Amino acid sequence: MEKLTNKEEEVMHVIWKLEKAFVKDVLAEIKGDKPHYNTLSTIVRNLEEKGYVSYHAYGKTHQYYPVVKKEEYRKQFMNQAIDNYFNNSYKNMVSFFAKEEKISVEELKDIIALIENKK
């Protein structure tokens, strides 16, 4: 699975949310600085070339839908991040968030309970 650029990822999140959308629908959902319609259309076509979306053609217009599930992308992205930034160690990742105070003791206890219940 090819990594997405930040803009492609932003657009992909909109397509996942809408489940099927024309470029104008995606444009309407983008918050903040909206890209030009043609720029957005190019980004969506790039997503198609990378295998993330496909489309149904209605004349000259295309309605896009996701081919890659959000969960699949998240798993791939997280695996790469853990490999690249935490030496492929989930312990290092959790330690990082604990040191940065991004995760509480209660949340860590919840994680431990999840792990113990899975066994």
PDB file of N, CA and C in Angstrom:
ATOM      1  N   MET A   1       0.854  -1.175   0.000  1.00  0.00           N
ATOM      2  CA  MET A   1       0.000   0.000   0.000  1.00  0.00           C
ATOM      3  C   MET A   1       0.904   1.245   0.000  1.00  0.00           C
ATOM      4  N   GLU A   2       0.719   2.075  -0.992  1.00  0.00           N
ATOM      5  CA  GLU A   2       1.536   3.280  -1.141  1.00  0.00           C
ATOM      6  C   GLU A   2       1.112   4.354  -0.133  1.00  0.00           C
ATOM      7  N   LYS A   3       2.108   5.000   0.478  1.00  0.00           N
ATOM      8  CA  LYS A   3       1.825   6.053   1.464  1.00  0.00           C
ATOM      9  C   LYS A   3       1.154   7.232   0.774  1.00  0.00           C
ATOM     10  N   LEU A   4       0.225   7.850   1.494  1.00  0.00           N
ATOM     11  CA  LEU A   4      -0.472   9.015   0.969  1.00  0.00           C
ATOM     12  C   LEU A   4       0.207  10.295   1.433  1.00  0.00           C
ATOM     13  N   THR A   5       0.102  11.338   0.613  1.00  0.00           N
ATOM     14  CA  THR A   5       0.559  12.654   1.042  1.00  0.00           C
ATOM     15  C   THR A   5      -0.463  13.184   2.057  1.00  0.00           C
ATOM     16  N   ASN A   6      -0.118  14.252   2.763  1.00  0.00           N
ATOM     17  CA  ASN A   6      -1.048  14.833   3.740  1.00  0.00           C
ATOM     18  C   ASN A   6      -2.368  15.229   3.087  1.00  0.00           C
ATOM     19  N   LYS A   7      -2.307  15.857   1.914  1.00  0.00           N
ATOM     20  CA  LYS A   7      -3.525  16.282   1.207  1.00  0.00           C
ATOM     21  C   LYS A   7      -4.341  15.077   0.757  1.00  0.00           C
ATOM     22  N   GLU A   8      -3.670  14.059   0.226  1.00  0.00           N
ATOM     23  CA  GLU A   8      -4.372  12.854  -0.195  1.00  0.00           C
ATOM     24  C   GLU A   8      -5.066  12.195   0.996  1.00  0.00           C
ATOM     25  N   GLU A   9      -4.364  12.165   2.123  1.00  0.00           N
ATOM     26  CA  GLU A   9      -4.938  11.568   3.331  1.00  0.00           C
ATOM     27  C   GLU A   9      -6.162  12.359   3.798  1.00  0.00           C
ATOM     28  N   GLU A  10      -6.071  13.680   3.750  1.00  0.00           N
ATOM     29  CA  GLU A  10      -7.206  14.534   4.130  1.00  0.00           C
ATOM     30  C   GLU A  10      -8.419  14.233   3.245  1.00  0.00           C
ATOM     31  N   VAL A  11      -8.191  14.123   1.949  1.00  0.00           N
ATOM     32  CA  VAL A  11      -9.264  13.832   1.003  1.00  0.00           C
ATOM     33  C   VAL A  11      -9.806  12.419   1.238  1.00  0.00           C
ATOM     34  N   MET A  12      -8.918  11.486   1.507  1.00  0.00           N
ATOM     35  CA  MET A  12      -9.333  10.108   1.745  1.00  0.00           C
ATOM     36  C   MET A  12     -10.236  10.021   2.967  1.00  0.00           C
ATOM     37  N   HIS A  13      -9.930  10.788   4.013  1.00  0.00           N
ATOM     38  CA  HIS A  13     -10.785  10.793   5.207  1.00  0.00           C
ATOM     39  C   HIS A  13     -12.201  11.265   4.859  1.00  0.00           C
ATOM     40  N   VAL A  14     -12.302  12.234   3.971  1.00  0.00           N
ATOM     41  CA  VAL A  14     -13.623  12.716   3.545  1.00  0.00           C
ATOM     42  C   VAL A  14     -14.352  11.617   2.766  1.00  0.00           C
ATOM     43  N   ILE A  15     -13.644  10.945   1.880  1.00  0.00           N
ATOM     44  CA  ILE A  15     -14.274   9.882   1.086  1.00  0.00           C
ATOM     45  C   ILE A  15     -14.700   8.724   1.989  1.00  0.00           C
ATOM     46  N   TRP A  16     -13.873   8.369   2.974  1.00  0.00           N
ATOM     47  CA  TRP A  16     -14.277   7.326   3.929  1.00  0.00           C
ATOM     48  C   TRP A  16     -15.552   7.747   4.660  1.00  0.00           C
ATOM     49  N   LYS A  17     -15.607   9.010   5.051  1.00  0.00           N
ATOM     50  CA  LYS A  17     -16.762   9.521   5.794  1.00  0.00           C
ATOM     51  C   LYS A  17     -18.027   9.479   4.925  1.00  0.00           C
ATOM     52  N   LEU A  18     -17.913   9.949   3.686  1.00  0.00           N
ATOM     53  CA  LEU A  18     -19.078  10.032   2.804  1.00  0.00           C
ATOM     54  C   LEU A  18     -19.450   8.683   2.175  1.00  0.00           C
ATOM     55  N   GLU A  19     -18.479   7.794   2.075  1.00  0.00           N
ATOM     56  CA  GLU A  19     -18.619   6.455   1.484  1.00  0.00           C
ATOM     57  C   GLU A  19     -18.739   6.449  -0.038  1.00  0.00           C
ATOM     58  N   LYS A  20     -19.365   7.457  -0.616  1.00  0.00           N
ATOM     59  CA  LYS A  20     -19.348   7.652  -2.075  1.00  0.00           C
ATOM     60  C   LYS A  20     -19.578   9.129  -2.307  1.00  0.00           C
ATOM     61  N   ALA A  21     -18.803   9.692  -3.243  1.00  0.00           N
ATOM     62  CA  ALA A  21     -18.869  11.143  -3.399  1.00  0.00           C
ATOM     63  C   ALA A  21     -18.340  11.588  -4.750  1.00  0.00           C
ATOM     64  N   PHE A  22     -18.963  12.642  -5.258  1.00  0.00           N
ATOM     65  CA  PHE A  22     -18.431  13.349  -6.411  1.00  0.00           C
ATOM     66  C   PHE A  22     -17.402  14.342  -5.883  1.00  0.00           C
ATOM     67  N   VAL A  23     -16.535  14.861  -6.736  1.00  0.00           N
ATOM     68  CA  VAL A  23     -15.507  15.811  -6.307  1.00  0.00           C
ATOM     69  C   VAL A  23     -16.144  17.013  -5.600  1.00  0.00           C
ATOM     70  N   LYS A  24     -17.278  17.488  -6.106  1.00  0.00           N
ATOM     71  CA  LYS A  24     -17.946  18.642  -5.476  1.00  0.00           C
ATOM     72  C   LYS A  24     -18.381  18.321  -4.047  1.00  0.00           C
ATOM     73  N   ASP A  25     -18.760  17.068  -3.781  1.00  0.00           N
ATOM     74  CA  ASP A  25     -19.143  16.654  -2.427  1.00  0.00           C
ATOM     75  C   ASP A  25     -17.937  16.684  -1.491  1.00  0.00           C
ATOM     76  N   VAL A  26     -16.805  16.214  -2.003  1.00  0.00           N
ATOM     77  CA  VAL A  26     -15.565  16.229  -1.215  1.00  0.00           C
ATOM     78  C   VAL A  26     -15.183  17.666  -0.921  1.00  0.00           C
ATOM     79  N   LEU A  27     -15.240  18.520  -1.922  1.00  0.00           N
ATOM     80  CA  LEU A  27     -14.901  19.936  -1.761  1.00  0.00           C
ATOM     81  C   LEU A  27     -15.757  20.585  -0.672  1.00  0.00           C
ATOM     82  N   ALA A  28     -17.031  20.262  -0.652  1.00  0.00           N
ATOM     83  CA  ALA A  28     -17.950  20.846   0.336  1.00  0.00           C
ATOM     84  C   ALA A  28     -17.603  20.423   1.763  1.00  0.00           C
ATOM     85  N   GLU A  29     -16.981  19.266   1.922  1.00  0.00           N
ATOM     86  CA  GLU A  29     -16.648  18.740   3.256  1.00  0.00           C
ATOM     87  C   GLU A  29     -15.310  19.246   3.798  1.00  0.00           C
ATOM     88  N   ILE A  30     -14.461  19.766   2.932  1.00  0.00           N
ATOM     89  CA  ILE A  30     -13.123  20.194   3.366  1.00  0.00           C
ATOM     90  C   ILE A  30     -13.235  21.465   4.191  1.00  0.00           C
ATOM     91  N   LYS A  31     -12.632  21.422   5.365  1.00  0.00           N
ATOM     92  CA  LYS A  31     -12.643  22.573   6.279  1.00  0.00           C
ATOM     93  C   LYS A  31     -11.431  23.463   5.991  1.00  0.00           C
ATOM     94  N   GLY A  32     -11.522  24.712   6.326  1.00  0.00           N
ATOM     95  CA  GLY A  32     -10.390  25.633   6.174  1.00  0.00           C
ATOM     96  C   GLY A  32     -10.143  25.996   4.723  1.00  0.00           C
ATOM     97  N   ASP A  33      -8.854  26.034   4.366  1.00  0.00           N
ATOM     98  CA  ASP A  33      -8.468  26.414   3.004  1.00  0.00           C
ATOM     99  C   ASP A  33      -8.905  25.336   2.017  1.00  0.00           C
ATOM    100  N   LYS A  34      -9.858  25.685   1.185  1.00  0.00           N
ATOM    101  CA  LYS A  34     -10.347  24.738   0.189  1.00  0.00           C
ATOM    102  C   LYS A  34      -9.477  24.810  -1.061  1.00  0.00           C
ATOM    103  N   PRO A  35      -9.072  23.651  -1.565  1.00  0.00           N
ATOM    104  CA  PRO A  35      -8.306  23.665  -2.812  1.00  0.00           C
ATOM    105  C   PRO A  35      -9.215  24.033  -3.976  1.00  0.00           C
ATOM    106  N   HIS A  36      -8.623  24.440  -5.072  1.00  0.00           N
ATOM    107  CA  HIS A  36      -9.378  24.687  -6.301  1.00  0.00           C
ATOM    108  C   HIS A  36      -9.973  23.353  -6.754  1.00  0.00           C
ATOM    109  N   TYR A  37     -11.124  23.393  -7.381  1.00  0.00           N
ATOM    110  CA  TYR A  37     -11.819  22.181  -7.843  1.00  0.00           C
ATOM    111  C   TYR A  37     -10.888  21.294  -8.676  1.00  0.00           C
ATOM    112  N   ASN A  38     -10.155  21.885  -9.626  1.00  0.00           N
ATOM    113  CA  ASN A  38      -9.269  21.096 -10.491  1.00  0.00           C
ATOM    114  C   ASN A  38      -8.142  20.438  -9.704  1.00  0.00           C
ATOM    115  N   THR A  39      -7.629  21.141  -8.704  1.00  0.00           N
ATOM    116  CA  THR A  39      -6.577  20.578  -7.849  1.00  0.00           C
ATOM    117  C   THR A  39      -7.128  19.375  -7.094  1.00  0.00           C
ATOM    118  N   LEU A  40      -8.315  19.537  -6.531  1.00  0.00           N
ATOM    119  CA  LEU A  40      -8.943  18.441  -5.794  1.00  0.00           C
ATOM    120  C   LEU A  40      -9.221  17.258  -6.713  1.00  0.00           C
ATOM    121  N   SER A  41      -9.672  17.545  -7.918  1.00  0.00           N
ATOM    122  CA  SER A  41      -9.936  16.491  -8.894  1.00  0.00           C
ATOM    123  C   SER A  41      -8.656  15.699  -9.190  1.00  0.00           C
ATOM    124  N   THR A  42      -7.540  16.390  -9.292  1.00  0.00           N
ATOM    125  CA  THR A  42      -6.241  15.736  -9.523  1.00  0.00           C
ATOM    126  C   THR A  42      -5.867  14.853  -8.338  1.00  0.00           C
ATOM    127  N   ILE A  43      -6.091  15.348  -7.122  1.00  0.00           N
ATOM    128  CA  ILE A  43      -5.785  14.568  -5.915  1.00  0.00           C
ATOM    129  C   ILE A  43      -6.618  13.282  -5.900  1.00  0.00           C
ATOM    130  N   VAL A  44      -7.892  13.391  -6.237  1.00  0.00           N
ATOM    131  CA  VAL A  44      -8.773  12.214  -6.246  1.00  0.00           C
ATOM    132  C   VAL A  44      -8.322  11.222  -7.315  1.00  0.00           C
ATOM    133  N   ARG A  45      -7.926  11.726  -8.481  1.00  0.00           N
ATOM    134  CA  ARG A  45      -7.412  10.829  -9.529  1.00  0.00           C
ATOM    135  C   ARG A  45      -6.132  10.134  -9.075  1.00  0.00           C
ATOM    136  N   ASN A  46      -5.280  10.851  -8.324  1.00  0.00           N
ATOM    137  CA  ASN A  46      -4.064  10.232  -7.769  1.00  0.00           C
ATOM    138  C   ASN A  46      -4.426   9.103  -6.807  1.00  0.00           C
ATOM    139  N   LEU A  47      -5.471   9.337  -6.005  1.00  0.00           N
ATOM    140  CA  LEU A  47      -5.931   8.291  -5.087  1.00  0.00           C
ATOM    141  C   LEU A  47      -6.409   7.064  -5.862  1.00  0.00           C
ATOM    142  N   GLU A  48      -7.034   7.312  -6.997  1.00  0.00           N
ATOM    143  CA  GLU A  48      -7.477   6.207  -7.843  1.00  0.00           C
ATOM    144  C   GLU A  48      -6.273   5.443  -8.398  1.00  0.00           C
ATOM    145  N   GLU A  49      -5.275   6.180  -8.896  1.00  0.00           N
ATOM    146  CA  GLU A  49      -4.069   5.545  -9.447  1.00  0.00           C
ATOM    147  C   GLU A  49      -3.332   4.727  -8.397  1.00  0.00           C
ATOM    148  N   LYS A  50      -3.365   5.194  -7.139  1.00  0.00           N
ATOM    149  CA  LYS A  50      -2.697   4.482  -6.047  1.00  0.00           C
ATOM    150  C   LYS A  50      -3.530   3.315  -5.528  1.00  0.00           C
ATOM    151  N   GLY A  51      -4.756   3.162  -6.047  1.00  0.00           N
ATOM    152  CA  GLY A  51      -5.596   2.032  -5.671  1.00  0.00           C
ATOM    153  C   GLY A  51      -6.430   2.234  -4.414  1.00  0.00           C
ATOM    154  N   TYR A  52      -6.580   3.467  -3.972  1.00  0.00           N
ATOM    155  CA  TYR A  52      -7.357   3.748  -2.762  1.00  0.00           C
ATOM    156  C   TYR A  52      -8.838   3.949  -3.044  1.00  0.00           C
ATOM    157  N   VAL A  53      -9.159   4.459  -4.221  1.00  0.00           N
ATOM    158  CA  VAL A  53     -10.558   4.685  -4.588  1.00  0.00           C
ATOM    159  C   VAL A  53     -10.813   4.157  -5.991  1.00  0.00           C
ATOM    160  N   SER A  54     -12.079   3.924  -6.267  1.00  0.00           N
ATOM    161  CA  SER A  54     -12.526   3.607  -7.616  1.00  0.00           C
ATOM    162  C   SER A  54     -13.746   4.486  -7.870  1.00  0.00           C
ATOM    163  N   TYR A  55     -14.385   4.311  -8.998  1.00  0.00           N
ATOM    164  CA  TYR A  55     -15.516   5.187  -9.286  1.00  0.00           C
ATOM    165  C   TYR A  55     -16.557   4.512 -10.157  1.00  0.00           C
ATOM    166  N   HIS A  56     -17.744   5.087 -10.101  1.00  0.00           N
ATOM    167  CA  HIS A  56     -18.821   4.772 -11.029  1.00  0.00           C
ATOM    168  C   HIS A  56     -18.939   5.983 -11.937  1.00  0.00           C
ATOM    169  N   ALA A  57     -18.979   5.747 -13.237  1.00  0.00           N
ATOM    170  CA  ALA A  57     -19.086   6.854 -14.191  1.00  0.00           C
ATOM    171  C   ALA A  57     -20.548   7.137 -14.502  1.00  0.00           C
ATOM    172  N   TYR A  58     -20.869   8.413 -14.460  1.00  0.00           N
ATOM    173  CA  TYR A  58     -22.198   8.894 -14.867  1.00  0.00           C
ATOM    174  C   TYR A  58     -21.948   9.936 -15.937  1.00  0.00           C
ATOM    175  N   GLY A  59     -21.908   9.503 -17.173  1.00  0.00           N
ATOM    176  CA  GLY A  59     -21.522  10.406 -18.244  1.00  0.00           C
ATOM    177  C   GLY A  59     -20.058  10.787 -18.045  1.00  0.00           C
ATOM    178  N   LYS A  60     -19.796  12.090 -17.999  1.00  0.00           N
ATOM    179  CA  LYS A  60     -18.417  12.564 -17.793  1.00  0.00           C
ATOM    180  C   LYS A  60     -18.069  12.735 -16.315  1.00  0.00           C
ATOM    181  N   THR A  61     -19.049  12.544 -15.441  1.00  0.00           N
ATOM    182  CA  THR A  61     -18.792  12.707 -14.005  1.00  0.00           C
ATOM    183  C   THR A  61     -18.524  11.362 -13.357  1.00  0.00           C
ATOM    184  N   HIS A  62     -17.691  11.390 -12.331  1.00  0.00           N
ATOM    185  CA  HIS A  62     -17.350  10.171 -11.616  1.00  0.00           C
ATOM    186  C   HIS A  62     -17.748  10.301 -10.153  1.00  0.00           C
ATOM    187  N   GLN A  63     -18.388   9.250  -9.640  1.00  0.00           N
ATOM    188  CA  GLN A  63     -18.684   9.180  -8.214  1.00  0.00           C
ATOM    189  C   GLN A  63     -17.679   8.199  -7.616  1.00  0.00           C
ATOM    190  N   TYR A  64     -16.859   8.705  -6.698  1.00  0.00           N
ATOM    191  CA  TYR A  64     -15.770   7.917  -6.127  1.00  0.00           C
ATOM    192  C   TYR A  64     -16.209   7.216  -4.852  1.00  0.00           C
ATOM    193  N   TYR A  65     -15.602   6.067  -4.606  1.00  0.00           N
ATOM    194  CA  TYR A  65     -15.844   5.328  -3.373  1.00  0.00           C
ATOM    195  C   TYR A  65     -14.532   4.656  -2.944  1.00  0.00           C
ATOM    196  N   PRO A  66     -14.367   4.442  -1.630  1.00  0.00           N
ATOM    197  CA  PRO A  66     -13.108   3.861  -1.145  1.00  0.00           C
ATOM    198  C   PRO A  66     -12.984   2.385  -1.510  1.00  0.00           C
ATOM    199  N   VAL A  67     -11.783   1.991  -1.866  1.00  0.00           N
ATOM    200  CA  VAL A  67     -11.467   0.590  -2.118  1.00  0.00           C
ATOM    201  C   VAL A  67     -10.707   0.051  -0.903  1.00  0.00           C
ATOM    202  N   VAL A  68      -9.871   0.898  -0.321  1.00  0.00           N
ATOM    203  CA  VAL A  68      -9.118   0.545   0.881  1.00  0.00           C
ATOM    204  C   VAL A  68      -9.930   1.012   2.084  1.00  0.00           C
ATOM    205  N   LYS A  69     -10.129   0.110   3.034  1.00  0.00           N
ATOM    206  CA  LYS A  69     -10.879   0.462   4.244  1.00  0.00           C
ATOM    207  C   LYS A  69      -9.996   1.316   5.160  1.00  0.00           C
ATOM    208  N   LYS A  70     -10.649   2.191   5.897  1.00  0.00           N
ATOM    209  CA  LYS A  70      -9.942   3.070   6.832  1.00  0.00           C
ATOM    210  C   LYS A  70      -9.125   2.245   7.833  1.00  0.00           C
ATOM    211  N   GLU A  71      -9.690   1.142   8.297  1.00  0.00           N
ATOM    212  CA  GLU A  71      -9.003   0.287   9.270  1.00  0.00           C
ATOM    213  C   GLU A  71      -7.721  -0.307   8.685  1.00  0.00           C
ATOM    214  N   GLU A  72      -7.777  -0.692   7.399  1.00  0.00           N
ATOM    215  CA  GLU A  72      -6.585  -1.242   6.735  1.00  0.00           C
ATOM    216  C   GLU A  72      -5.481  -0.186   6.670  1.00  0.00           C
ATOM    217  N   TYR A  73      -5.876   1.026   6.281  1.00  0.00           N
ATOM    218  CA  TYR A  73      -4.897   2.106   6.172  1.00  0.00           C
ATOM    219  C   TYR A  73      -4.321   2.437   7.545  1.00  0.00           C
ATOM    220  N   ARG A  74      -5.183   2.522   8.571  1.00  0.00           N
ATOM    221  CA  ARG A  74      -4.732   2.846   9.924  1.00  0.00           C
ATOM    222  C   ARG A  74      -3.713   1.808  10.400  1.00  0.00           C
ATOM    223  N   LYS A  75      -4.021   0.532  10.166  1.00  0.00           N
ATOM    224  CA  LYS A  75      -3.114  -0.541  10.592  1.00  0.00           C
ATOM    225  C   LYS A  75      -1.755  -0.401   9.909  1.00  0.00           C
ATOM    226  N   GLN A  76      -1.779  -0.174   8.596  1.00  0.00           N
ATOM    227  CA  GLN A  76      -0.538  -0.005   7.832  1.00  0.00           C
ATOM    228  C   GLN A  76       0.239   1.212   8.334  1.00  0.00           C
ATOM    229  N   PHE A  77      -0.467   2.328   8.512  1.00  0.00           N
ATOM    230  CA  PHE A  77       0.158   3.576   8.960  1.00  0.00           C
ATOM    231  C   PHE A  77       0.770   3.403  10.353  1.00  0.00           C
ATOM    232  N   MET A  78       0.028   2.773  11.258  1.00  0.00           N
ATOM    233  CA  MET A  78       0.523   2.582  12.623  1.00  0.00           C
ATOM    234  C   MET A  78       1.735   1.656  12.633  1.00  0.00           C
ATOM    235  N   ASN A  79       1.678   0.591  11.855  1.00  0.00           N
ATOM    236  CA  ASN A  79       2.821  -0.330  11.791  1.00  0.00           C
ATOM    237  C   ASN A  79       4.068   0.392  11.295  1.00  0.00           C
ATOM    238  N   GLN A  80       3.913   1.243  10.271  1.00  0.00           N
ATOM    239  CA  GLN A  80       5.060   1.999   9.750  1.00  0.00           C
ATOM    240  C   GLN A  80       5.573   2.988  10.781  1.00  0.00           C
ATOM    241  N   ALA A  81       4.655   3.687  11.464  1.00  0.00           N
ATOM    242  CA  ALA A  81       5.055   4.676  12.469  1.00  0.00           C
ATOM    243  C   ALA A  81       5.791   4.003  13.617  1.00  0.00           C
ATOM    244  N   ILE A  82       5.282   2.872  14.079  1.00  0.00           N
ATOM    245  CA  ILE A  82       5.928   2.160  15.188  1.00  0.00           C
ATOM    246  C   ILE A  82       7.298   1.658  14.754  1.00  0.00           C
ATOM    247  N   ASP A  83       7.386   1.179  13.531  1.00  0.00           N
ATOM    248  CA  ASP A  83       8.673   0.718  13.005  1.00  0.00           C
ATOM    249  C   ASP A  83       9.657   1.878  12.870  1.00  0.00           C
ATOM    250  N   ASN A  84       9.194   3.002  12.278  1.00  0.00           N
ATOM    251  CA  ASN A  84      10.079   4.139  12.009  1.00  0.00           C
ATOM    252  C   ASN A  84      10.471   4.939  13.245  1.00  0.00           C
ATOM    253  N   TYR A  85       9.540   5.109  14.191  1.00  0.00           N
ATOM    254  CA  TYR A  85       9.779   6.027  15.303  1.00  0.00           C
ATOM    255  C   TYR A  85       9.981   5.359  16.656  1.00  0.00           C
ATOM    256  N   PHE A  86       9.588   4.094  16.783  1.00  0.00           N
ATOM    257  CA  PHE A  86       9.674   3.440  18.086  1.00  0.00           C
ATOM    258  C   PHE A  86      10.441   2.126  18.022  1.00  0.00           C
ATOM    259  N   ASN A  87      11.312   2.002  17.023  1.00  0.00           N
ATOM    260  CA  ASN A  87      12.168   0.829  16.883  1.00  0.00           C
ATOM    261  C   ASN A  87      11.356  -0.466  16.898  1.00  0.00           C
ATOM    262  N   ASN A  88      10.194  -0.413  16.251  1.00  0.00           N
ATOM    263  CA  ASN A  88       9.285  -1.552  16.124  1.00  0.00           C
ATOM    264  C   ASN A  88       8.852  -2.113  17.479  1.00  0.00           C
ATOM    265  N   SER A  89       8.740  -1.213  18.485  1.00  0.00           N
ATOM    266  CA  SER A  89       8.378  -1.635  19.834  1.00  0.00           C
ATOM    267  C   SER A  89       7.136  -0.891  20.309  1.00  0.00           C
ATOM    268  N   TYR A  90       6.083  -1.666  20.579  1.00  0.00           N
ATOM    269  CA  TYR A  90       4.855  -1.064  21.109  1.00  0.00           C
ATOM    270  C   TYR A  90       5.107  -0.528  22.521  1.00  0.00           C
ATOM    271  N   LYS A  91       5.987  -1.194  23.256  1.00  0.00           N
ATOM    272  CA  LYS A  91       6.346  -0.729  24.602  1.00  0.00           C
ATOM    273  C   LYS A  91       6.971   0.662  24.518  1.00  0.00           C
ATOM    274  N   ASN A  92       7.872   0.856  23.562  1.00  0.00           N
ATOM    275  CA  ASN A  92       8.482   2.179  23.381  1.00  0.00           C
ATOM    276  C   ASN A  92       7.430   3.230  23.031  1.00  0.00           C
ATOM    277  N   MET A  93       6.449   2.839  22.216  1.00  0.00           N
ATOM    278  CA  MET A  93       5.405   3.774  21.829  1.00  0.00           C
ATOM    279  C   MET A  93       4.563   4.171  23.041  1.00  0.00           C
ATOM    280  N   VAL A  94       4.120   3.204  23.813  1.00  0.00           N
ATOM    281  CA  VAL A  94       3.295   3.498  24.987  1.00  0.00           C
ATOM    282  C   VAL A  94       4.107   4.310  26.004  1.00  0.00           C
ATOM    283  N   SER A  95       5.380   3.974  26.173  1.00  0.00           N
ATOM    284  CA  SER A  95       6.253   4.732  27.093  1.00  0.00           C
ATOM    285  C   SER A  95       6.362   6.184  26.652  1.00  0.00           C
ATOM    286  N   PHE A  96       6.495   6.398  25.365  1.00  0.00           N
ATOM    287  CA  PHE A  96       6.575   7.754  24.829  1.00  0.00           C
ATOM    288  C   PHE A  96       5.337   8.558  25.221  1.00  0.00           C
ATOM    289  N   PHE A  97       4.161   7.981  24.987  1.00  0.00           N
ATOM    290  CA  PHE A  97       2.921   8.691  25.307  1.00  0.00           C
ATOM    291  C   PHE A  97       2.763   8.901  26.812  1.00  0.00           C
ATOM    292  N   ALA A  98       3.234   7.949  27.605  1.00  0.00           N
ATOM    293  CA  ALA A  98       3.168   8.104  29.064  1.00  0.00           C
ATOM    294  C   ALA A  98       4.084   9.242  29.518  1.00  0.00           C
ATOM    295  N   LYS A  99       5.300   9.281  28.977  1.00  0.00           N
ATOM    296  CA  LYS A  99       6.252  10.348  29.338  1.00  0.00           C
ATOM    297  C   LYS A  99       5.755  11.719  28.900  1.00  0.00           C
ATOM    298  N   GLU A 100       5.082  11.767  27.771  1.00  0.00           N
ATOM    299  CA  GLU A 100       4.546  13.028  27.250  1.00  0.00           C
ATOM    300  C   GLU A 100       3.227  13.403  27.924  1.00  0.00           C
ATOM    301  N   GLU A 101       2.788  12.545  28.851  1.00  0.00           N
ATOM    302  CA  GLU A 101       1.525  12.741  29.571  1.00  0.00           C
ATOM    303  C   GLU A 101       0.328  12.816  28.615  1.00  0.00           C
ATOM    304  N   LYS A 102       0.390  12.023  27.566  1.00  0.00           N
ATOM    305  CA  LYS A 102      -0.704  11.942  26.591  1.00  0.00           C
ATOM    306  C   LYS A 102      -1.633  10.774  26.914  1.00  0.00           C
ATOM    307  N   ILE A 103      -1.244   9.958  27.892  1.00  0.00           N
ATOM    308  CA  ILE A 103      -2.053   8.814  28.294  1.00  0.00           C
ATOM    309  C   ILE A 103      -2.044   8.748  29.818  1.00  0.00           C
ATOM    310  N   SER A 104      -3.206   8.501  30.387  1.00  0.00           N
ATOM    311  CA  SER A 104      -3.332   8.497  31.844  1.00  0.00           C
ATOM    312  C   SER A 104      -3.126   7.090  32.411  1.00  0.00           C
ATOM    313  N   VAL A 105      -2.962   7.013  33.718  1.00  0.00           N
ATOM    314  CA  VAL A 105      -2.824   5.731  34.399  1.00  0.00           C
ATOM    315  C   VAL A 105      -4.088   4.900  34.181  1.00  0.00           C
ATOM    316  N   GLU A 106      -5.250   5.569  34.262  1.00  0.00           N
ATOM    317  CA  GLU A 106      -6.523   4.859  34.046  1.00  0.00           C
ATOM    318  C   GLU A 106      -6.587   4.262  32.638  1.00  0.00           C
ATOM    319  N   GLU A 107      -6.139   5.026  31.646  1.00  0.00           N
ATOM    320  CA  GLU A 107      -6.145   4.516  30.272  1.00  0.00           C
ATOM    321  C   GLU A 107      -5.186   3.335  30.131  1.00  0.00           C
ATOM    322  N   LEU A 108      -4.035   3.415  30.809  1.00  0.00           N
ATOM    323  CA  LEU A 108      -3.083   2.299  30.774  1.00  0.00           C
ATOM    324  C   LEU A 108      -3.693   1.061  31.425  1.00  0.00           C
ATOM    325  N   LYS A 109      -4.413   1.255  32.526  1.00  0.00           N
ATOM    326  CA  LYS A 109      -5.094   0.123  33.180  1.00  0.00           C
ATOM    327  C   LYS A 109      -6.133  -0.489  32.244  1.00  0.00           C
ATOM    328  N   ASP A 110      -6.849   0.361  31.509  1.00  0.00           N
ATOM    329  CA  ASP A 110      -7.831  -0.131  30.540  1.00  0.00           C
ATOM    330  C   ASP A 110      -7.153  -0.966  29.457  1.00  0.00           C
ATOM    331  N   ILE A 111      -5.990  -0.507  29.002  1.00  0.00           N
ATOM    332  CA  ILE A 111      -5.233  -1.235  27.970  1.00  0.00           C
ATOM    333  C   ILE A 111      -4.797  -2.594  28.512  1.00  0.00           C
ATOM    334  N   ILE A 112      -4.297  -2.619  29.749  1.00  0.00           N
ATOM    335  CA  ILE A 112      -3.871  -3.886  30.376  1.00  0.00           C
ATOM    336  C   ILE A 112      -5.061  -4.839  30.476  1.00  0.00           C
ATOM    337  N   ALA A 113      -6.229  -4.301  30.889  1.00  0.00           N
ATOM    338  CA  ALA A 113      -7.433  -5.139  30.998  1.00  0.00           C
ATOM    339  C   ALA A 113      -7.815  -5.714  29.632  1.00  0.00           C
ATOM    340  N   LEU A 114      -7.706  -4.896  28.584  1.00  0.00           N
ATOM    341  CA  LEU A 114      -7.999  -5.396  27.233  1.00  0.00           C
ATOM    342  C   LEU A 114      -7.077  -6.551  26.858  1.00  0.00           C
ATOM    343  N   ILE A 115      -5.799  -6.397  27.174  1.00  0.00           N
ATOM    344  CA  ILE A 115      -4.816  -7.424  26.843  1.00  0.00           C
ATOM    345  C   ILE A 115      -5.104  -8.702  27.645  1.00  0.00           C
ATOM    346  N   GLU A 116      -5.387  -8.533  28.937  1.00  0.00           N
ATOM    347  CA  GLU A 116      -5.651  -9.705  29.775  1.00  0.00           C
ATOM    348  C   GLU A 116      -6.934 -10.418  29.359  1.00  0.00           C
ATOM    349  N   ASN A 117      -7.937  -9.680  28.961  1.00  0.00           N
ATOM    350  CA  ASN A 117      -9.201 -10.296  28.542  1.00  0.00           C
ATOM    351  C   ASN A 117      -9.074 -11.016  27.203  1.00  0.00           C
ATOM    352  N   LYS A 118      -8.094 -10.627  26.404  1.00  0.00           N
ATOM    353  CA  LYS A 118      -7.896 -11.236  25.099  1.00  0.00           C
ATOM    354  C   LYS A 118      -7.231 -12.623  25.206  1.00  0.00           C
ATOM    355  N   LYS A 119      -6.524 -12.830  26.307  1.00  0.00           N
ATOM    356  CA  LYS A 119      -5.786 -14.094  26.478  1.00  0.00           C
ATOM    357  C   LYS A 119      -6.708 -15.253  26.765  1.00  0.00           C
TER     358      LYS A 119
END
